[in-house]
Structures are given as C-alpha cells and as structure tokens.
Amino acid sequence: MSVALKKLDGVESVDVSLEKASADIRLRADNRVTLDRIRGVIRDSGYPTRDAEITARGRIVEQGGKPMFDLLNGSMLELTMKPDPVPPGIVEIDGVSKVQPKTADRLTMTKVK
C-alpha cells in the first residue's frame, strides 16, 4: 500500500503501521491529491478505509448553502458545521473526516488555528 500511495503525485511521505492499522500520509503544499483518491488507493491495495485525522490549510467557505473547507488544490471537504464566527482568510485546521457509506466524507473540525 505504501508504494502505491507514494506514486500519487503530491505525496511527500507515507508511514504505514500494520500493527496500528494506520497510515500517516504527508502531502506537499502544492498537491492536487484528494481524500477520495487516497481512499481509493488504499481500498485497491486490499485494505479497508476508516475515519481520517486531518491537518490541513485552506479557507472555510460556503457552497450550495453548505459549509465547506477549500483545500486550495481544487478539492473541497464538506464540514459538519460552520464555525461561528468564520475565520477570514487561510487557516489551518485539525479535524476528523468520517467515512460516509453513500456520500462524500464530512469533516468535523476539532481545532482552527
């Protein structure tokens, strides 16, 4: 799995722990990698995907009436809720992206910096 993930353009490093059933994936700042693509590579390698702990930079925006996190690489993650107040400009967030069986992942923010 780590070899397949490292082949994704924009992946800086991959540290897989089979013991913990986890992967620490670091992306370059200029990446175009989406969470869907990462999950697809993991599944194609024969492993299930679980909730993902994420630290990312981007902007909190609204799209179609829903709060979204713009990752500044062409992809967005839907937020479970909009922070009040919405911080202006580019922020760094920590959060958990929950696997949704029938829809795209939704990101629950745990910290905004």
Protein backbone atom coordinates (compact mmCIF):
# COMPACT_ATOMS: atom_id res chain seq x y z
CA MET A 1 0.00 0.00 0.00
CA SER A 2 2.76 2.49 0.87
CA VAL A 3 4.35 2.04 -2.57
CA ALA A 4 1.02 2.76 -4.29
CA LEU A 5 0.40 5.83 -2.12
CA LYS A 6 3.90 7.18 -2.78
CA LYS A 7 3.18 7.04 -6.52
CA LEU A 8 0.42 9.64 -6.14
CA ASP A 9 1.70 12.98 -7.41
CA GLY A 10 1.87 15.30 -4.41
CA VAL A 11 2.58 12.69 -1.73
CA GLU A 12 5.67 13.67 0.26
CA SER A 13 5.89 10.67 2.61
CA VAL A 14 3.97 7.63 3.80
CA ASP A 15 4.43 5.80 7.09
CA VAL A 16 2.27 2.66 7.34
CA SER A 17 1.78 0.75 10.59
CA LEU A 18 0.12 -2.61 10.05
CA GLU A 19 0.20 -3.13 13.83
CA LYS A 20 -1.91 0.01 14.39
CA ALA A 21 -3.82 -0.40 11.10
CA SER A 22 -2.97 3.18 10.20
CA ALA A 23 -1.11 5.27 7.66
CA ASP A 24 0.45 8.71 8.19
CA ILE A 25 0.40 10.42 4.79
CA ARG A 26 2.08 13.80 4.34
CA LEU A 27 1.32 15.84 1.24
CA ARG A 28 3.37 18.59 -0.39
CA ALA A 29 1.85 22.06 -0.13
CA ASP A 30 1.23 22.19 -3.90
CA ASN A 31 -0.54 18.80 -4.08
CA ARG A 32 -3.69 18.01 -6.05
CA VAL A 33 -4.44 14.79 -4.16
CA THR A 34 -7.99 14.29 -2.91
CA LEU A 35 -9.08 12.26 0.08
CA ASP A 36 -11.26 10.17 -2.27
CA ARG A 37 -8.19 9.28 -4.34
CA ILE A 38 -6.18 8.31 -1.25
CA ARG A 39 -9.05 6.15 -0.01
CA GLY A 40 -9.32 4.54 -3.45
CA VAL A 41 -5.63 3.58 -3.49
CA ILE A 42 -5.93 2.10 0.00
CA ARG A 43 -9.01 0.05 -0.98
CA ASP A 44 -7.40 -1.04 -4.28
CA SER A 45 -4.46 -2.32 -2.20
CA GLY A 46 -6.85 -4.58 -0.31
CA TYR A 47 -7.27 -2.59 2.88
CA PRO A 48 -10.44 -1.04 4.35
CA THR A 49 -10.59 2.69 4.99
CA ARG A 50 -11.60 4.30 8.25
CA ASP A 51 -12.08 7.80 9.60
CA ALA A 52 -9.10 10.05 8.81
CA GLU A 53 -7.43 12.50 11.18
CA ILE A 54 -6.53 15.54 9.09
CA THR A 55 -4.41 18.64 9.50
CA ALA A 56 -4.82 20.94 6.51
CA ARG A 57 -4.57 24.55 5.33
CA GLY A 58 -7.33 26.25 3.41
CA ARG A 59 -10.37 28.50 3.60
CA ILE A 60 -13.75 27.98 5.18
CA VAL A 61 -16.36 28.87 2.56
CA GLU A 62 -20.00 28.25 1.76
CA GLN A 63 -21.01 26.36 -1.37
CA GLY A 64 -24.58 25.47 -2.22
CA GLY A 65 -25.67 26.56 1.24
CA LYS A 66 -23.25 24.13 2.93
CA PRO A 67 -20.10 24.96 4.91
CA MET A 68 -17.04 23.64 3.06
CA PHE A 69 -13.30 23.57 3.58
CA ASP A 70 -11.49 24.65 0.41
CA LEU A 71 -8.15 22.82 0.39
CA LEU A 72 -6.78 25.29 -2.18
CA ASN A 73 -5.90 22.42 -4.51
CA GLY A 74 -9.15 22.11 -6.42
CA SER A 75 -10.89 19.94 -3.84
CA MET A 76 -13.32 20.66 -1.03
CA LEU A 77 -14.44 18.81 2.07
CA GLU A 78 -17.92 19.32 3.46
CA LEU A 79 -17.90 20.47 7.07
CA THR A 80 -20.29 19.03 9.64
CA MET A 81 -20.86 22.56 10.93
CA LYS A 82 -19.79 26.13 10.20
CA PRO A 83 -17.68 27.77 12.90
CA ASP A 84 -19.05 30.95 14.43
CA PRO A 85 -17.51 33.28 13.58
CA VAL A 86 -15.97 32.05 10.34
CA PRO A 87 -12.28 32.97 10.45
CA PRO A 88 -11.22 35.10 7.48
CA GLY A 89 -8.51 34.08 5.03
CA ILE A 90 -6.39 30.96 5.07
CA VAL A 91 -6.48 28.89 8.26
CA GLU A 92 -5.02 25.61 9.45
CA ILE A 93 -7.45 23.10 10.85
CA ASP A 94 -7.34 19.79 12.65
CA GLY A 95 -10.28 17.50 12.25
CA VAL A 96 -11.67 14.07 11.56
CA SER A 97 -13.09 13.10 8.20
CA LYS A 98 -15.74 10.47 8.79
CA VAL A 99 -16.33 7.79 6.21
CA GLN A 100 -19.84 8.11 4.82
CA PRO A 101 -21.16 4.93 3.16
CA LYS A 102 -23.31 6.59 0.46
CA THR A 103 -21.95 10.16 0.27
CA ALA A 104 -18.69 12.09 0.35
CA ASP A 105 -16.71 12.39 3.58
CA ARG A 106 -17.69 15.10 6.06
CA LEU A 107 -15.05 16.88 8.12
CA THR A 108 -15.58 17.60 11.81
CA MET A 109 -13.20 20.33 12.86
CA THR A 110 -11.55 19.92 16.26
CA LYS A 111 -9.25 22.95 16.11
CA VAL A 112 -8.85 26.06 13.97
CA LYS A 113 -5.51 27.88 14.00
